[in-house]
Every structure is written in C-alpha cells, then in structure tokens.
Amino acid sequence: MDELRSILIKFVDSGWELISIPSQGYLDGVVSEETLLEAVEQADKECGSCGCELDPLYKRCMVLLEEQKV
C-alpha cells in the first residue's frame, strides 16, 4: 500500500522515536501491525493537534491500518 508506506516514511524521517522506530520496524517487517497501531495512537494522543504536518497523518495511518485488518 503506497499511501501507508509514504506516511510511514514521513514518520521515520520525523526522528520522533515514538513513531519513527515502530514505523521503520514495520517497513522492515519486524514490527507487527498491532504494535505500529499502538504507537500511532499514542502519537496522536500526545501530539495529534499541535498543528504540525504529521497531525492528519496519524489519523489517516490509523484508518489505513484498520482497513488492512478487514
């Protein structure tokens, strides 16, 4: 899924360990979808309304991960 991959690359590039490490791990195939989702949910809670470019990406990433489960 290209959209999810591009979002995860932005998370990796952010350098914020809360989301960069699990995002890279997911891209590398060593972190589960559930672990990534937990990290993104936490990032959204901590910083999801600060006004940065990542704010809408947390929500979109969560939607895309949930869609993959179906």
PDB file of N, CA and C in Angstrom:
ATOM      1  N   MET A   1       0.845  -1.173   0.000  1.00  0.00           N
ATOM      2  CA  MET A   1       0.000   0.000   0.000  1.00  0.00           C
ATOM      3  C   MET A   1       0.894   1.241   0.000  1.00  0.00           C
ATOM      4  N   ASP A   2       0.918   1.910  -1.106  1.00  0.00           N
ATOM      5  CA  ASP A   2       1.820   3.049  -1.299  1.00  0.00           C
ATOM      6  C   ASP A   2       1.526   4.207  -0.352  1.00  0.00           C
ATOM      7  N   GLU A   3       0.253   4.482  -0.105  1.00  0.00           N
ATOM      8  CA  GLU A   3      -0.086   5.602   0.773  1.00  0.00           C
ATOM      9  C   GLU A   3       0.428   5.351   2.188  1.00  0.00           C
ATOM     10  N   LEU A   4       0.211   4.153   2.700  1.00  0.00           N
ATOM     11  CA  LEU A   4       0.682   3.821   4.042  1.00  0.00           C
ATOM     12  C   LEU A   4       2.203   3.901   4.098  1.00  0.00           C
ATOM     13  N   ARG A   5       2.850   3.369   3.102  1.00  0.00           N
ATOM     14  CA  ARG A   5       4.317   3.402   3.065  1.00  0.00           C
ATOM     15  C   ARG A   5       4.837   4.840   3.088  1.00  0.00           C
ATOM     16  N   SER A   6       4.235   5.720   2.313  1.00  0.00           N
ATOM     17  CA  SER A   6       4.704   7.107   2.273  1.00  0.00           C
ATOM     18  C   SER A   6       4.479   7.801   3.619  1.00  0.00           C
ATOM     19  N   ILE A   7       3.383   7.486   4.300  1.00  0.00           N
ATOM     20  CA  ILE A   7       3.132   8.045   5.625  1.00  0.00           C
ATOM     21  C   ILE A   7       4.183   7.537   6.606  1.00  0.00           C
ATOM     22  N   LEU A   8       4.452   6.251   6.563  1.00  0.00           N
ATOM     23  CA  LEU A   8       5.433   5.675   7.481  1.00  0.00           C
ATOM     24  C   LEU A   8       6.824   6.238   7.253  1.00  0.00           C
ATOM     25  N   ILE A   9       7.170   6.505   6.019  1.00  0.00           N
ATOM     26  CA  ILE A   9       8.469   7.114   5.720  1.00  0.00           C
ATOM     27  C   ILE A   9       8.538   8.511   6.331  1.00  0.00           C
ATOM     28  N   LYS A  10       7.441   9.257   6.289  1.00  0.00           N
ATOM     29  CA  LYS A  10       7.411  10.580   6.937  1.00  0.00           C
ATOM     30  C   LYS A  10       7.584  10.437   8.444  1.00  0.00           C
ATOM     31  N   PHE A  11       6.966   9.412   9.021  1.00  0.00           N
ATOM     32  CA  PHE A  11       7.131   9.177  10.452  1.00  0.00           C
ATOM     33  C   PHE A  11       8.592   8.847  10.780  1.00  0.00           C
ATOM     34  N   VAL A  12       9.206   8.014   9.965  1.00  0.00           N
ATOM     35  CA  VAL A  12      10.618   7.666  10.168  1.00  0.00           C
ATOM     36  C   VAL A  12      11.480   8.919  10.074  1.00  0.00           C
ATOM     37  N   ASP A  13      11.226   9.712   9.058  1.00  0.00           N
ATOM     38  CA  ASP A  13      12.014  10.927   8.833  1.00  0.00           C
ATOM     39  C   ASP A  13      11.817  11.979   9.923  1.00  0.00           C
ATOM     40  N   SER A  14      10.717  11.866  10.675  1.00  0.00           N
ATOM     41  CA  SER A  14      10.450  12.849  11.732  1.00  0.00           C
ATOM     42  C   SER A  14      11.498  12.769  12.845  1.00  0.00           C
ATOM     43  N   GLY A  15      12.066  11.596  13.035  1.00  0.00           N
ATOM     44  CA  GLY A  15      13.052  11.415  14.091  1.00  0.00           C
ATOM     45  C   GLY A  15      12.447  11.259  15.483  1.00  0.00           C
ATOM     46  N   TRP A  16      11.128  11.351  15.596  1.00  0.00           N
ATOM     47  CA  TRP A  16      10.464  11.185  16.884  1.00  0.00           C
ATOM     48  C   TRP A  16      10.389   9.691  17.172  1.00  0.00           C
ATOM     49  N   GLU A  17      11.160   9.237  18.140  1.00  0.00           N
ATOM     50  CA  GLU A  17      11.308   7.806  18.408  1.00  0.00           C
ATOM     51  C   GLU A  17       9.984   7.083  18.639  1.00  0.00           C
ATOM     52  N   LEU A  18       9.015   7.763  19.207  1.00  0.00           N
ATOM     53  CA  LEU A  18       7.725   7.137  19.472  1.00  0.00           C
ATOM     54  C   LEU A  18       7.117   6.537  18.209  1.00  0.00           C
ATOM     55  N   ILE A  19       7.267   7.239  17.082  1.00  0.00           N
ATOM     56  CA  ILE A  19       6.697   6.719  15.840  1.00  0.00           C
ATOM     57  C   ILE A  19       7.751   6.312  14.819  1.00  0.00           C
ATOM     58  N   SER A  20       8.941   6.882  14.891  1.00  0.00           N
ATOM     59  CA  SER A  20       9.949   6.559  13.873  1.00  0.00           C
ATOM     60  C   SER A  20      10.442   5.121  13.995  1.00  0.00           C
ATOM     61  N   ILE A  21      10.687   4.673  15.215  1.00  0.00           N
ATOM     62  CA  ILE A  21      11.204   3.311  15.401  1.00  0.00           C
ATOM     63  C   ILE A  21      10.182   2.246  15.014  1.00  0.00           C
ATOM     64  N   PRO A  22       8.930   2.321  15.510  1.00  0.00           N
ATOM     65  CA  PRO A  22       7.963   1.307  15.080  1.00  0.00           C
ATOM     66  C   PRO A  22       7.635   1.380  13.591  1.00  0.00           C
ATOM     67  N   SER A  23       7.656   2.595  13.031  1.00  0.00           N
ATOM     68  CA  SER A  23       7.372   2.726  11.595  1.00  0.00           C
ATOM     69  C   SER A  23       8.457   2.051  10.773  1.00  0.00           C
ATOM     70  N   GLN A  24       9.711   2.278  11.139  1.00  0.00           N
ATOM     71  CA  GLN A  24      10.810   1.630  10.416  1.00  0.00           C
ATOM     72  C   GLN A  24      10.754   0.123  10.601  1.00  0.00           C
ATOM     73  N   GLY A  25      10.436  -0.299  11.812  1.00  0.00           N
ATOM     74  CA  GLY A  25      10.314  -1.727  12.076  1.00  0.00           C
ATOM     75  C   GLY A  25       9.219  -2.377  11.252  1.00  0.00           C
ATOM     76  N   TYR A  26       8.106  -1.685  11.107  1.00  0.00           N
ATOM     77  CA  TYR A  26       7.006  -2.206  10.296  1.00  0.00           C
ATOM     78  C   TYR A  26       7.429  -2.298   8.834  1.00  0.00           C
ATOM     79  N   LEU A  27       8.091  -1.259   8.354  1.00  0.00           N
ATOM     80  CA  LEU A  27       8.569  -1.280   6.963  1.00  0.00           C
ATOM     81  C   LEU A  27       9.572  -2.409   6.741  1.00  0.00           C
ATOM     82  N   ASP A  28      10.355  -2.716   7.769  1.00  0.00           N
ATOM     83  CA  ASP A  28      11.353  -3.786   7.680  1.00  0.00           C
ATOM     84  C   ASP A  28      10.755  -5.166   7.924  1.00  0.00           C
ATOM     85  N   GLY A  29       9.490  -5.205   8.337  1.00  0.00           N
ATOM     86  CA  GLY A  29       8.822  -6.475   8.567  1.00  0.00           C
ATOM     87  C   GLY A  29       9.103  -7.104   9.916  1.00  0.00           C
ATOM     88  N   VAL A  30       9.590  -6.314  10.879  1.00  0.00           N
ATOM     89  CA  VAL A  30       9.907  -6.874  12.194  1.00  0.00           C
ATOM     90  C   VAL A  30       8.996  -6.349  13.306  1.00  0.00           C
ATOM     91  N   VAL A  31       8.103  -5.426  12.977  1.00  0.00           N
ATOM     92  CA  VAL A  31       7.138  -4.889  13.940  1.00  0.00           C
ATOM     93  C   VAL A  31       5.739  -5.211  13.423  1.00  0.00           C
ATOM     94  N   SER A  32       4.897  -5.675  14.314  1.00  0.00           N
ATOM     95  CA  SER A  32       3.538  -6.057  13.915  1.00  0.00           C
ATOM     96  C   SER A  32       2.666  -4.839  13.658  1.00  0.00           C
ATOM     97  N   GLU A  33       1.602  -5.087  12.943  1.00  0.00           N
ATOM     98  CA  GLU A  33       0.600  -4.055  12.666  1.00  0.00           C
ATOM     99  C   GLU A  33       0.009  -3.515  13.972  1.00  0.00           C
ATOM    100  N   GLU A  34      -0.216  -4.416  14.929  1.00  0.00           N
ATOM    101  CA  GLU A  34      -0.791  -4.012  16.211  1.00  0.00           C
ATOM    102  C   GLU A  34       0.144  -3.080  16.975  1.00  0.00           C
ATOM    103  N   THR A  35       1.425  -3.393  16.979  1.00  0.00           N
ATOM    104  CA  THR A  35       2.416  -2.558  17.667  1.00  0.00           C
ATOM    105  C   THR A  35       2.509  -1.193  17.010  1.00  0.00           C
ATOM    106  N   LEU A  36       2.511  -1.174  15.696  1.00  0.00           N
ATOM    107  CA  LEU A  36       2.553   0.096  14.974  1.00  0.00           C
ATOM    108  C   LEU A  36       1.309   0.920  15.279  1.00  0.00           C
ATOM    109  N   LEU A  37       0.160   0.293  15.254  1.00  0.00           N
ATOM    110  CA  LEU A  37      -1.086   0.998  15.528  1.00  0.00           C
ATOM    111  C   LEU A  37      -1.072   1.603  16.930  1.00  0.00           C
ATOM    112  N   GLU A  38      -0.591   0.866  17.909  1.00  0.00           N
ATOM    113  CA  GLU A  38      -0.497   1.381  19.273  1.00  0.00           C
ATOM    114  C   GLU A  38       0.399   2.617  19.321  1.00  0.00           C
ATOM    115  N   ALA A  39       1.521   2.588  18.634  1.00  0.00           N
ATOM    116  CA  ALA A  39       2.445   3.722  18.622  1.00  0.00           C
ATOM    117  C   ALA A  39       1.809   4.943  17.963  1.00  0.00           C
ATOM    118  N   VAL A  40       1.111   4.720  16.865  1.00  0.00           N
ATOM    119  CA  VAL A  40       0.478   5.832  16.151  1.00  0.00           C
ATOM    120  C   VAL A  40      -0.662   6.407  16.987  1.00  0.00           C
ATOM    121  N   GLU A  41      -1.418   5.560  17.651  1.00  0.00           N
ATOM    122  CA  GLU A  41      -2.490   6.046  18.531  1.00  0.00           C
ATOM    123  C   GLU A  41      -1.902   6.894  19.660  1.00  0.00           C
ATOM    124  N   GLN A  42      -0.788   6.461  20.240  1.00  0.00           N
ATOM    125  CA  GLN A  42      -0.143   7.223  21.308  1.00  0.00           C
ATOM    126  C   GLN A  42       0.382   8.560  20.781  1.00  0.00           C
ATOM    127  N   ALA A  43       0.972   8.541  19.608  1.00  0.00           N
ATOM    128  CA  ALA A  43       1.472   9.783  18.999  1.00  0.00           C
ATOM    129  C   ALA A  43       0.325  10.750  18.755  1.00  0.00           C
ATOM    130  N   ASP A  44      -0.803  10.220  18.310  1.00  0.00           N
ATOM    131  CA  ASP A  44      -1.973  11.069  18.067  1.00  0.00           C
ATOM    132  C   ASP A  44      -2.471  11.686  19.376  1.00  0.00           C
ATOM    133  N   LYS A  45      -2.443  10.905  20.452  1.00  0.00           N
ATOM    134  CA  LYS A  45      -2.868  11.424  21.761  1.00  0.00           C
ATOM    135  C   LYS A  45      -1.924  12.526  22.244  1.00  0.00           C
ATOM    136  N   GLU A  46      -0.630  12.306  22.070  1.00  0.00           N
ATOM    137  CA  GLU A  46       0.366  13.243  22.589  1.00  0.00           C
ATOM    138  C   GLU A  46       0.534  14.482  21.723  1.00  0.00           C
ATOM    139  N   CYS A  47       0.346  14.332  20.419  1.00  0.00           N
ATOM    140  CA  CYS A  47       0.725  15.427  19.533  1.00  0.00           C
ATOM    141  C   CYS A  47      -0.230  15.600  18.353  1.00  0.00           C
ATOM    142  N   GLY A  48      -1.387  14.985  18.407  1.00  0.00           N
ATOM    143  CA  GLY A  48      -2.277  14.967  17.256  1.00  0.00           C
ATOM    144  C   GLY A  48      -2.993  16.257  16.932  1.00  0.00           C
ATOM    145  N   SER A  49      -2.801  17.263  17.761  1.00  0.00           N
ATOM    146  CA  SER A  49      -3.465  18.531  17.480  1.00  0.00           C
ATOM    147  C   SER A  49      -2.524  19.718  17.653  1.00  0.00           C
ATOM    148  N   CYS A  50      -1.238  19.483  17.459  1.00  0.00           N
ATOM    149  CA  CYS A  50      -0.255  20.554  17.648  1.00  0.00           C
ATOM    150  C   CYS A  50      -0.157  21.474  16.433  1.00  0.00           C
ATOM    151  N   GLY A  51      -0.685  21.016  15.317  1.00  0.00           N
ATOM    152  CA  GLY A  51      -0.657  21.838  14.109  1.00  0.00           C
ATOM    153  C   GLY A  51       0.455  21.487  13.138  1.00  0.00           C
ATOM    154  N   CYS A  52       1.240  20.474  13.451  1.00  0.00           N
ATOM    155  CA  CYS A  52       2.317  20.089  12.533  1.00  0.00           C
ATOM    156  C   CYS A  52       1.769  19.260  11.373  1.00  0.00           C
ATOM    157  N   GLU A  53       2.605  19.029  10.386  1.00  0.00           N
ATOM    158  CA  GLU A  53       2.177  18.287   9.196  1.00  0.00           C
ATOM    159  C   GLU A  53       1.828  16.830   9.479  1.00  0.00           C
ATOM    160  N   LEU A  54       2.273  16.311  10.621  1.00  0.00           N
ATOM    161  CA  LEU A  54       2.010  14.908  10.935  1.00  0.00           C
ATOM    162  C   LEU A  54       0.620  14.678  11.524  1.00  0.00           C
ATOM    163  N   ASP A  55       0.010  15.719  12.075  1.00  0.00           N
ATOM    164  CA  ASP A  55      -1.292  15.558  12.741  1.00  0.00           C
ATOM    165  C   ASP A  55      -2.308  14.789  11.897  1.00  0.00           C
ATOM    166  N   PRO A  56      -2.583  15.187  10.658  1.00  0.00           N
ATOM    167  CA  PRO A  56      -3.580  14.430   9.877  1.00  0.00           C
ATOM    168  C   PRO A  56      -3.073  13.050   9.461  1.00  0.00           C
ATOM    169  N   LEU A  57      -1.759  12.878   9.431  1.00  0.00           N
ATOM    170  CA  LEU A  57      -1.201  11.591   9.017  1.00  0.00           C
ATOM    171  C   LEU A  57      -1.412  10.509  10.062  1.00  0.00           C
ATOM    172  N   TYR A  58      -1.437  10.891  11.352  1.00  0.00           N
ATOM    173  CA  TYR A  58      -1.716   9.894  12.393  1.00  0.00           C
ATOM    174  C   TYR A  58      -3.089   9.281  12.151  1.00  0.00           C
ATOM    175  N   LYS A  59      -4.065  10.143  11.936  1.00  0.00           N
ATOM    176  CA  LYS A  59      -5.432   9.667  11.750  1.00  0.00           C
ATOM    177  C   LYS A  59      -5.573   8.837  10.478  1.00  0.00           C
ATOM    178  N   ARG A  60      -4.943   9.288   9.401  1.00  0.00           N
ATOM    179  CA  ARG A  60      -5.030   8.547   8.142  1.00  0.00           C
ATOM    180  C   ARG A  60      -4.335   7.196   8.274  1.00  0.00           C
ATOM    181  N   CYS A  61      -3.206   7.170   8.932  1.00  0.00           N
ATOM    182  CA  CYS A  61      -2.480   5.918   9.139  1.00  0.00           C
ATOM    183  C   CYS A  61      -3.334   4.927   9.921  1.00  0.00           C
ATOM    184  N   MET A  62      -4.008   5.405  10.953  1.00  0.00           N
ATOM    185  CA  MET A  62      -4.868   4.517  11.738  1.00  0.00           C
ATOM    186  C   MET A  62      -5.983   3.937  10.873  1.00  0.00           C
ATOM    187  N   VAL A  63      -6.577   4.754  10.015  1.00  0.00           N
ATOM    188  CA  VAL A  63      -7.629   4.275   9.117  1.00  0.00           C
ATOM    189  C   VAL A  63      -7.071   3.205   8.178  1.00  0.00           C
ATOM    190  N   LEU A  64      -5.921   3.476   7.584  1.00  0.00           N
ATOM    191  CA  LEU A  64      -5.336   2.523   6.643  1.00  0.00           C
ATOM    192  C   LEU A  64      -4.978   1.206   7.330  1.00  0.00           C
ATOM    193  N   LEU A  65      -4.462   1.263   8.544  1.00  0.00           N
ATOM    194  CA  LEU A  65      -4.137   0.027   9.273  1.00  0.00           C
ATOM    195  C   LEU A  65      -5.393  -0.746   9.621  1.00  0.00           C
ATOM    196  N   GLU A  66      -6.441  -0.051  10.008  1.00  0.00           N
ATOM    197  CA  GLU A  66      -7.710  -0.734  10.319  1.00  0.00           C
ATOM    198  C   GLU A  66      -8.294  -1.372   9.069  1.00  0.00           C
ATOM    199  N   GLU A  67      -8.180  -0.702   7.928  1.00  0.00           N
ATOM    200  CA  GLU A  67      -8.692  -1.259   6.673  1.00  0.00           C
ATOM    201  C   GLU A  67      -7.956  -2.536   6.290  1.00  0.00           C
ATOM    202  N   GLN A  68      -6.682  -2.612   6.606  1.00  0.00           N
ATOM    203  CA  GLN A  68      -5.905  -3.817   6.297  1.00  0.00           C
ATOM    204  C   GLN A  68      -6.363  -5.024   7.093  1.00  0.00           C
ATOM    205  N   LYS A  69      -6.947  -4.777   8.265  1.00  0.00           N
ATOM    206  CA  LYS A  69      -7.390  -5.878   9.123  1.00  0.00           C
ATOM    207  C   LYS A  69      -8.618  -6.580   8.548  1.00  0.00           C
ATOM    208  N   VAL A  70      -9.403  -5.864   7.767  1.00  0.00           N
ATOM    209  CA  VAL A  70     -10.667  -6.413   7.246  1.00  0.00           C
ATOM    210  C   VAL A  70     -10.435  -7.430   6.174  1.00  0.00           C
TER     211      VAL A  70
END
